[in-house]
PDB file of N, CA and C in Angstrom:
ATOM      1  N   UNK A   1     118.050  84.831 100.661  1.00  0.00           N
ATOM      2  CA  UNK A   1     118.825  86.036 100.844  1.00  0.00           C
ATOM      3  C   UNK A   1     118.775  86.919  99.581  1.00  0.00           C
ATOM      4  N   UNK A   2     118.878  86.270  98.419  1.00  0.00           N
ATOM      5  CA  UNK A   2     118.827  87.055  97.173  1.00  0.00           C
ATOM      6  C   UNK A   2     117.500  87.768  97.026  1.00  0.00           C
ATOM      7  N   UNK A   3     116.413  87.136  97.457  1.00  0.00           N
ATOM      8  CA  UNK A   3     115.114  87.774  97.346  1.00  0.00           C
ATOM      9  C   UNK A   3     115.011  88.999  98.262  1.00  0.00           C
ATOM     10  N   UNK A   4     115.656  88.957  99.423  1.00  0.00           N
ATOM     11  CA  UNK A   4     115.671  90.123 100.297  1.00  0.00           C
ATOM     12  C   UNK A   4     116.448  91.279  99.673  1.00  0.00           C
ATOM     13  N   UNK A   5     117.553  90.951  99.067  1.00  0.00           N
ATOM     14  CA  UNK A   5     118.350  91.996  98.409  1.00  0.00           C
ATOM     15  C   UNK A   5     117.590  92.572  97.244  1.00  0.00           C
ATOM     16  N   UNK A   6     116.926  91.716  96.449  1.00  0.00           N
ATOM     17  CA  UNK A   6     116.153  92.192  95.321  1.00  0.00           C
ATOM     18  C   UNK A   6     114.996  93.057  95.787  1.00  0.00           C
ATOM     19  N   UNK A   7     114.328  92.644  96.861  1.00  0.00           N
ATOM     20  CA  UNK A   7     113.202  93.448  97.392  1.00  0.00           C
ATOM     21  C   UNK A   7     113.693  94.814  97.876  1.00  0.00           C
ATOM     22  N   UNK A   8     114.830  94.838  98.558  1.00  0.00           N
ATOM     23  CA  UNK A   8     115.393  96.104  99.037  1.00  0.00           C
ATOM     24  C   UNK A   8     115.769  97.014  97.875  1.00  0.00           C
ATOM     25  N   UNK A   9     116.347  96.432  96.848  1.00  0.00           N
ATOM     26  CA  UNK A   9     116.733  97.216  95.659  1.00  0.00           C
ATOM     27  C   UNK A   9     115.504  97.793  94.973  1.00  0.00           C
ATOM     28  N   UNK A  10     114.470  96.971  94.797  1.00  0.00           N
ATOM     29  CA  UNK A  10     113.260  97.444  94.160  1.00  0.00           C
ATOM     30  C   UNK A  10     112.562  98.515  94.952  1.00  0.00           C
ATOM     31  N   UNK A  11     112.488  98.369  96.257  1.00  0.00           N
ATOM     32  CA  UNK A  11     111.832  99.380  97.065  1.00  0.00           C
ATOM     33  C   UNK A  11     112.604 100.691  97.028  1.00  0.00           C
ATOM     34  N   UNK A  12     113.931 100.640  96.996  1.00  0.00           N
ATOM     35  CA  UNK A  12     114.735 101.840  96.895  1.00  0.00           C
ATOM     36  C   UNK A  12     114.584 102.496  95.530  1.00  0.00           C
ATOM     37  N   UNK A  13     114.460 101.682  94.516  1.00  0.00           N
ATOM     38  CA  UNK A  13     114.328 102.227  93.142  1.00  0.00           C
ATOM     39  C   UNK A  13     113.016 102.944  92.951  1.00  0.00           C
ATOM     40  N   UNK A  14     111.981 102.547  93.691  1.00  0.00           N
ATOM     41  CA  UNK A  14     110.691 103.152  93.514  1.00  0.00           C
ATOM     42  C   UNK A  14     110.281 104.044  94.671  1.00  0.00           C
ATOM     43  N   UNK A  15     111.235 104.368  95.536  1.00  0.00           N
ATOM     44  CA  UNK A  15     110.945 105.258  96.648  1.00  0.00           C
ATOM     45  C   UNK A  15     110.626 106.651  96.117  1.00  0.00           C
ATOM     46  N   UNK A  16     109.630 107.309  96.709  1.00  0.00           N
ATOM     47  CA  UNK A  16     109.224 108.629  96.263  1.00  0.00           C
ATOM     48  C   UNK A  16     109.950 109.642  97.150  1.00  0.00           C
ATOM     49  N   UNK A  17     110.707 110.545  96.512  1.00  0.00           N
ATOM     50  CA  UNK A  17     111.396 111.537  97.340  1.00  0.00           C
ATOM     51  C   UNK A  17     110.410 112.465  98.023  1.00  0.00           C
ATOM     52  N   UNK A  18     110.850 113.087  99.105  1.00  0.00           N
ATOM     53  CA  UNK A  18     109.972 113.945  99.904  1.00  0.00           C
ATOM     54  C   UNK A  18     109.457 115.138  99.095  1.00  0.00           C
ATOM     55  N   UNK A  19     110.183 115.590  98.086  1.00  0.00           N
ATOM     56  CA  UNK A  19     109.776 116.756  97.314  1.00  0.00           C
ATOM     57  C   UNK A  19     108.853 116.399  96.164  1.00  0.00           C
ATOM     58  N   UNK A  20     108.455 115.144  96.051  1.00  0.00           N
ATOM     59  CA  UNK A  20     107.635 114.714  94.933  1.00  0.00           C
ATOM     60  C   UNK A  20     106.139 114.870  95.200  1.00  0.00           C
ATOM     61  N   UNK A  21     105.789 115.932  95.891  1.00  0.00           N
ATOM     62  CA  UNK A  21     104.386 116.233  96.147  1.00  0.00           C
ATOM     63  C   UNK A  21     104.251 117.744  96.301  1.00  0.00           C
ATOM     64  N   UNK A  22     103.041 118.240  96.108  1.00  0.00           N
ATOM     65  CA  UNK A  22     102.870 119.683  96.268  1.00  0.00           C
ATOM     66  C   UNK A  22     103.234 120.145  97.671  1.00  0.00           C
ATOM     67  N   UNK A  23     103.799 121.329  97.790  1.00  0.00           N
ATOM     68  CA  UNK A  23     104.177 121.802  99.117  1.00  0.00           C
ATOM     69  C   UNK A  23     102.948 122.139  99.973  1.00  0.00           C
ATOM     70  N   UNK A  24     103.155 122.139 101.281  1.00  0.00           N
ATOM     71  CA  UNK A  24     102.065 122.487 102.205  1.00  0.00           C
ATOM     72  C   UNK A  24     101.539 123.879 101.859  1.00  0.00           C
ATOM     73  N   UNK A  25     100.238 124.047 101.948  1.00  0.00           N
ATOM     74  CA  UNK A  25      99.617 125.318 101.647  1.00  0.00           C
ATOM     75  C   UNK A  25      99.278 125.510 100.189  1.00  0.00           C
ATOM     76  N   UNK A  26      99.520 124.519  99.355  1.00  0.00           N
ATOM     77  CA  UNK A  26      99.160 124.622  97.935  1.00  0.00           C
ATOM     78  C   UNK A  26      97.647 124.562  97.756  1.00  0.00           C
ATOM     79  N   UNK A  27      97.180 125.089  96.611  1.00  0.00           N
ATOM     80  CA  UNK A  27      95.769 124.945  96.276  1.00  0.00           C
ATOM     81  C   UNK A  27      95.462 123.468  96.097  1.00  0.00           C
ATOM     82  N   UNK A  28      94.278 123.034  96.507  1.00  0.00           N
ATOM     83  CA  UNK A  28      93.902 121.645  96.248  1.00  0.00           C
ATOM     84  C   UNK A  28      93.812 121.398  94.731  1.00  0.00           C
ATOM     85  N   UNK A  29      94.265 120.230  94.301  1.00  0.00           N
ATOM     86  CA  UNK A  29      94.196 119.892  92.884  1.00  0.00           C
ATOM     87  C   UNK A  29      92.773 119.974  92.379  1.00  0.00           C
ATOM     88  N   UNK A  30      91.820 119.582  93.194  1.00  0.00           N
ATOM     89  CA  UNK A  30      90.421 119.613  92.779  1.00  0.00           C
ATOM     90  C   UNK A  30      89.983 121.027  92.425  1.00  0.00           C
ATOM     91  N   UNK A  31      90.479 122.015  93.139  1.00  0.00           N
ATOM     92  CA  UNK A  31      90.136 123.418  92.838  1.00  0.00           C
ATOM     93  C   UNK A  31      90.778 123.862  91.542  1.00  0.00           C
ATOM     94  N   UNK A  32      92.022 123.471  91.321  1.00  0.00           N
ATOM     95  CA  UNK A  32      92.722 123.817  90.086  1.00  0.00           C
ATOM     96  C   UNK A  32      91.971 123.210  88.886  1.00  0.00           C
ATOM     97  N   UNK A  33      91.601 121.948  88.999  1.00  0.00           N
ATOM     98  CA  UNK A  33      90.891 121.278  87.913  1.00  0.00           C
ATOM     99  C   UNK A  33      89.516 121.879  87.694  1.00  0.00           C
ATOM    100  N   UNK A  34      88.833 122.255  88.764  1.00  0.00           N
ATOM    101  CA  UNK A  34      87.506 122.866  88.616  1.00  0.00           C
ATOM    102  C   UNK A  34      87.608 124.197  87.867  1.00  0.00           C
ATOM    103  N   UNK A  35      88.675 124.957  88.093  1.00  0.00           N
ATOM    104  CA  UNK A  35      88.879 126.201  87.368  1.00  0.00           C
ATOM    105  C   UNK A  35      89.087 125.965  85.880  1.00  0.00           C
ATOM    106  N   UNK A  36      89.806 124.918  85.555  1.00  0.00           N
ATOM    107  CA  UNK A  36      90.011 124.583  84.120  1.00  0.00           C
ATOM    108  C   UNK A  36      88.709 124.103  83.515  1.00  0.00           C
ATOM    109  N   UNK A  37      87.971 123.260  84.220  1.00  0.00           N
ATOM    110  CA  UNK A  37      86.677 122.749  83.699  1.00  0.00           C
ATOM    111  C   UNK A  37      85.681 123.877  83.476  1.00  0.00           C
ATOM    112  N   UNK A  38      85.799 124.966  84.203  1.00  0.00           N
ATOM    113  CA  UNK A  38      84.851 126.075  84.070  1.00  0.00           C
ATOM    114  C   UNK A  38      85.140 126.929  82.819  1.00  0.00           C
ATOM    115  N   UNK A  39      86.287 126.733  82.197  1.00  0.00           N
ATOM    116  CA  UNK A  39      86.616 127.502  80.988  1.00  0.00           C
ATOM    117  C   UNK A  39      85.669 127.118  79.861  1.00  0.00           C
ATOM    118  N   UNK A  40      85.287 128.102  79.089  1.00  0.00           N
ATOM    119  CA  UNK A  40      84.434 127.856  77.926  1.00  0.00           C
ATOM    120  C   UNK A  40      85.146 126.929  76.956  1.00  0.00           C
ATOM    121  N   UNK A  41      84.445 125.951  76.477  1.00  0.00           N
ATOM    122  CA  UNK A  41      85.016 125.042  75.466  1.00  0.00           C
ATOM    123  C   UNK A  41      85.787 123.868  76.025  1.00  0.00           C
ATOM    124  N   UNK A  42      85.793 123.719  77.374  1.00  0.00           N
ATOM    125  CA  UNK A  42      86.518 122.584  77.978  1.00  0.00           C
ATOM    126  C   UNK A  42      85.853 121.278  77.514  1.00  0.00           C
ATOM    127  N   UNK A  43      86.721 120.277  77.249  1.00  0.00           N
ATOM    128  CA  UNK A  43      86.216 118.950  76.868  1.00  0.00           C
ATOM    129  C   UNK A  43      86.433 117.929  77.980  1.00  0.00           C
ATOM    130  N   UNK A  44      87.682 117.447  78.096  1.00  0.00           N
ATOM    131  CA  UNK A  44      87.970 116.443  79.110  1.00  0.00           C
ATOM    132  C   UNK A  44      89.466 116.432  79.416  1.00  0.00           C
ATOM    133  N   UNK A  45      89.814 115.927  80.611  1.00  0.00           N
ATOM    134  CA  UNK A  45      91.219 115.811  81.002  1.00  0.00           C
ATOM    135  C   UNK A  45      91.802 114.542  80.418  1.00  0.00           C
ATOM    136  N   UNK A  46      93.034 114.602  79.984  1.00  0.00           N
ATOM    137  CA  UNK A  46      93.723 113.433  79.442  1.00  0.00           C
ATOM    138  C   UNK A  46      94.767 112.931  80.457  1.00  0.00           C
ATOM    139  N   UNK A  47      95.639 113.820  80.946  1.00  0.00           N
ATOM    140  CA  UNK A  47      96.667 113.424  81.907  1.00  0.00           C
ATOM    141  C   UNK A  47      96.895 114.525  82.926  1.00  0.00           C
ATOM    142  N   UNK A  48      97.148 114.121  84.148  1.00  0.00           N
ATOM    143  CA  UNK A  48      97.489 115.055  85.214  1.00  0.00           C
ATOM    144  C   UNK A  48      98.642 114.421  85.983  1.00  0.00           C
ATOM    145  N   UNK A  49      99.765 115.111  86.013  1.00  0.00           N
ATOM    146  CA  UNK A  49     100.958 114.575  86.681  1.00  0.00           C
ATOM    147  C   UNK A  49     101.618 115.656  87.533  1.00  0.00           C
ATOM    148  N   UNK A  50     102.203 115.236  88.638  1.00  0.00           N
ATOM    149  CA  UNK A  50     102.998 116.131  89.465  1.00  0.00           C
ATOM    150  C   UNK A  50     104.422 116.057  88.956  1.00  0.00           C
ATOM    151  N   UNK A  51     105.040 117.161  88.624  1.00  0.00           N
ATOM    152  CA  UNK A  51     106.421 117.199  88.177  1.00  0.00           C
ATOM    153  C   UNK A  51     107.314 117.451  89.398  1.00  0.00           C
ATOM    154  N   UNK A  52     108.398 116.716  89.503  1.00  0.00           N
ATOM    155  CA  UNK A  52     109.312 116.900  90.613  1.00  0.00           C
ATOM    156  C   UNK A  52     109.915 118.285  90.700  1.00  0.00           C
ATOM    157  N   UNK A  53     109.807 119.066  89.620  1.00  0.00           N
ATOM    158  CA  UNK A  53     110.311 120.422  89.638  1.00  0.00           C
ATOM    159  C   UNK A  53     109.360 121.396  90.333  1.00  0.00           C
ATOM    160  N   UNK A  54     108.189 120.900  90.748  1.00  0.00           N
ATOM    161  CA  UNK A  54     107.309 121.725  91.567  1.00  0.00           C
ATOM    162  C   UNK A  54     106.086 122.297  90.907  1.00  0.00           C
ATOM    163  N   UNK A  55     105.508 121.604  89.938  1.00  0.00           N
ATOM    164  CA  UNK A  55     104.288 122.093  89.313  1.00  0.00           C
ATOM    165  C   UNK A  55     103.465 120.934  88.771  1.00  0.00           C
ATOM    166  N   UNK A  56     102.188 121.226  88.509  1.00  0.00           N
ATOM    167  CA  UNK A  56     101.286 120.246  87.891  1.00  0.00           C
ATOM    168  C   UNK A  56     101.416 120.317  86.405  1.00  0.00           C
ATOM    169  N   UNK A  57     101.566 119.191  85.746  1.00  0.00           N
ATOM    170  CA  UNK A  57     101.515 119.080  84.277  1.00  0.00           C
ATOM    171  C   UNK A  57     100.142 118.569  83.927  1.00  0.00           C
ATOM    172  N   UNK A  58      99.352 119.372  83.233  1.00  0.00           N
ATOM    173  CA  UNK A  58      97.982 118.991  82.922  1.00  0.00           C
ATOM    174  C   UNK A  58      97.778 119.037  81.407  1.00  0.00           C
ATOM    175  N   UNK A  59      97.237 117.938  80.910  1.00  0.00           N
ATOM    176  CA  UNK A  59      96.858 117.848  79.490  1.00  0.00           C
ATOM    177  C   UNK A  59      95.360 117.630  79.420  1.00  0.00           C
ATOM    178  N   UNK A  60      94.709 118.409  78.583  1.00  0.00           N
ATOM    179  CA  UNK A  60      93.275 118.232  78.393  1.00  0.00           C
ATOM    180  C   UNK A  60      92.904 118.582  76.966  1.00  0.00           C
ATOM    181  N   UNK A  61      91.699 118.196  76.606  1.00  0.00           N
ATOM    182  CA  UNK A  61      91.176 118.499  75.269  1.00  0.00           C
ATOM    183  C   UNK A  61      89.999 119.458  75.392  1.00  0.00           C
ATOM    184  N   UNK A  62      89.932 120.347  74.454  1.00  0.00           N
ATOM    185  CA  UNK A  62      88.799 121.254  74.344  1.00  0.00           C
ATOM    186  C   UNK A  62      87.681 120.540  73.613  1.00  0.00           C
ATOM    187  N   UNK A  63      86.494 121.075  73.691  1.00  0.00           N
ATOM    188  CA  UNK A  63      85.333 120.474  73.024  1.00  0.00           C
ATOM    189  C   UNK A  63      85.539 120.384  71.525  1.00  0.00           C
ATOM    190  N   UNK A  64      86.342 121.279  70.948  1.00  0.00           N
ATOM    191  CA  UNK A  64      86.610 121.263  69.496  1.00  0.00           C
ATOM    192  C   UNK A  64      87.723 120.268  69.115  1.00  0.00           C
ATOM    193  N   UNK A  65      88.247 119.523  70.101  1.00  0.00           N
ATOM    194  CA  UNK A  65      89.274 118.523  69.838  1.00  0.00           C
ATOM    195  C   UNK A  65      90.695 119.015  69.979  1.00  0.00           C
ATOM    196  N   UNK A  66      90.911 120.301  70.238  1.00  0.00           N
ATOM    197  CA  UNK A  66      92.269 120.851  70.384  1.00  0.00           C
ATOM    198  C   UNK A  66      92.862 120.379  71.703  1.00  0.00           C
ATOM    199  N   UNK A  67      94.133 119.914  71.642  1.00  0.00           N
ATOM    200  CA  UNK A  67      94.837 119.465  72.826  1.00  0.00           C
ATOM    201  C   UNK A  67      95.527 120.655  73.493  1.00  0.00           C
ATOM    202  N   UNK A  68      95.437 120.734  74.821  1.00  0.00           N
ATOM    203  CA  UNK A  68      96.069 121.802  75.584  1.00  0.00           C
ATOM    204  C   UNK A  68      96.976 121.179  76.620  1.00  0.00           C
ATOM    205  N   UNK A  69      98.235 121.657  76.663  1.00  0.00           N
ATOM    206  CA  UNK A  69      99.192 121.210  77.664  1.00  0.00           C
ATOM    207  C   UNK A  69      99.619 122.426  78.470  1.00  0.00           C
ATOM    208  N   UNK A  70      99.397 122.382  79.784  1.00  0.00           N
ATOM    209  CA  UNK A  70      99.766 123.516  80.616  1.00  0.00           C
ATOM    210  C   UNK A  70     100.473 123.022  81.884  1.00  0.00           C
ATOM    211  N   UNK A  71     101.318 123.896  82.429  1.00  0.00           N
ATOM    212  CA  UNK A  71     101.984 123.648  83.704  1.00  0.00           C
ATOM    213  C   UNK A  71     101.392 124.640  84.676  1.00  0.00           C
ATOM    214  N   UNK A  72     100.951 124.147  85.842  1.00  0.00           N
ATOM    215  CA  UNK A  72     100.251 124.974  86.792  1.00  0.00           C
ATOM    216  C   UNK A  72     101.044 125.079  88.094  1.00  0.00           C
ATOM    217  N   UNK A  73     101.236 126.314  88.544  1.00  0.00           N
ATOM    218  CA  UNK A  73     101.883 126.552  89.828  1.00  0.00           C
ATOM    219  C   UNK A  73     100.923 126.098  90.935  1.00  0.00           C
ATOM    220  N   UNK A  74     101.361 125.240  91.887  1.00  0.00           N
ATOM    221  CA  UNK A  74     100.441 124.722  92.866  1.00  0.00           C
ATOM    222  C   UNK A  74     100.006 125.754  93.918  1.00  0.00           C
ATOM    223  N   UNK A  75     100.806 126.769  94.126  1.00  0.00           N
ATOM    224  CA  UNK A  75     100.474 127.796  95.132  1.00  0.00           C
ATOM    225  C   UNK A  75      99.433 128.771  94.614  1.00  0.00           C
ATOM    226  N   UNK A  76      99.595 129.242  93.376  1.00  0.00           N
ATOM    227  CA  UNK A  76      98.701 130.257  92.835  1.00  0.00           C
ATOM    228  C   UNK A  76      97.582 129.667  91.974  1.00  0.00           C
ATOM    229  N   UNK A  77      97.791 128.479  91.451  1.00  0.00           N
ATOM    230  CA  UNK A  77      96.818 127.879  90.545  1.00  0.00           C
ATOM    231  C   UNK A  77      96.886 128.453  89.130  1.00  0.00           C
ATOM    232  N   UNK A  78      97.884 129.296  88.886  1.00  0.00           N
ATOM    233  CA  UNK A  78      98.054 129.969  87.598  1.00  0.00           C
ATOM    234  C   UNK A  78      99.036 129.192  86.715  1.00  0.00           C
ATOM    235  N   UNK A  79      98.867 129.346  85.388  1.00  0.00           N
ATOM    236  CA  UNK A  79      99.778 128.731  84.459  1.00  0.00           C
ATOM    237  C   UNK A  79     101.191 129.314  84.629  1.00  0.00           C
ATOM    238  N   UNK A  80     102.188 128.435  84.558  1.00  0.00           N
ATOM    239  CA  UNK A  80     103.582 128.880  84.641  1.00  0.00           C
ATOM    240  C   UNK A  80     104.009 129.471  83.317  1.00  0.00           C
ATOM    241  N   UNK A  81     104.861 130.436  83.365  1.00  0.00           N
ATOM    242  CA  UNK A  81     105.382 131.046  82.136  1.00  0.00           C
ATOM    243  C   UNK A  81     106.829 130.756  81.974  1.00  0.00           C
TER     244      UNK A  81
END
């Protein structure tokens, strides 16, 4: 019985809320990343995360080693201000 309660608790603790994904009609992430990769001096992606507040958090490095952290609106594909 304790294992059932523990399993239920763990599954509830790790449940993903319905708003934890880009809304319908958003630009595909692959298109957003392709636009960033096409920028002059792009190096490589380090982290890409969906923020529950409704935007992509993207960290990447430029070819010169500079780290870039940007938040991208999923509908427009543009950096948030």
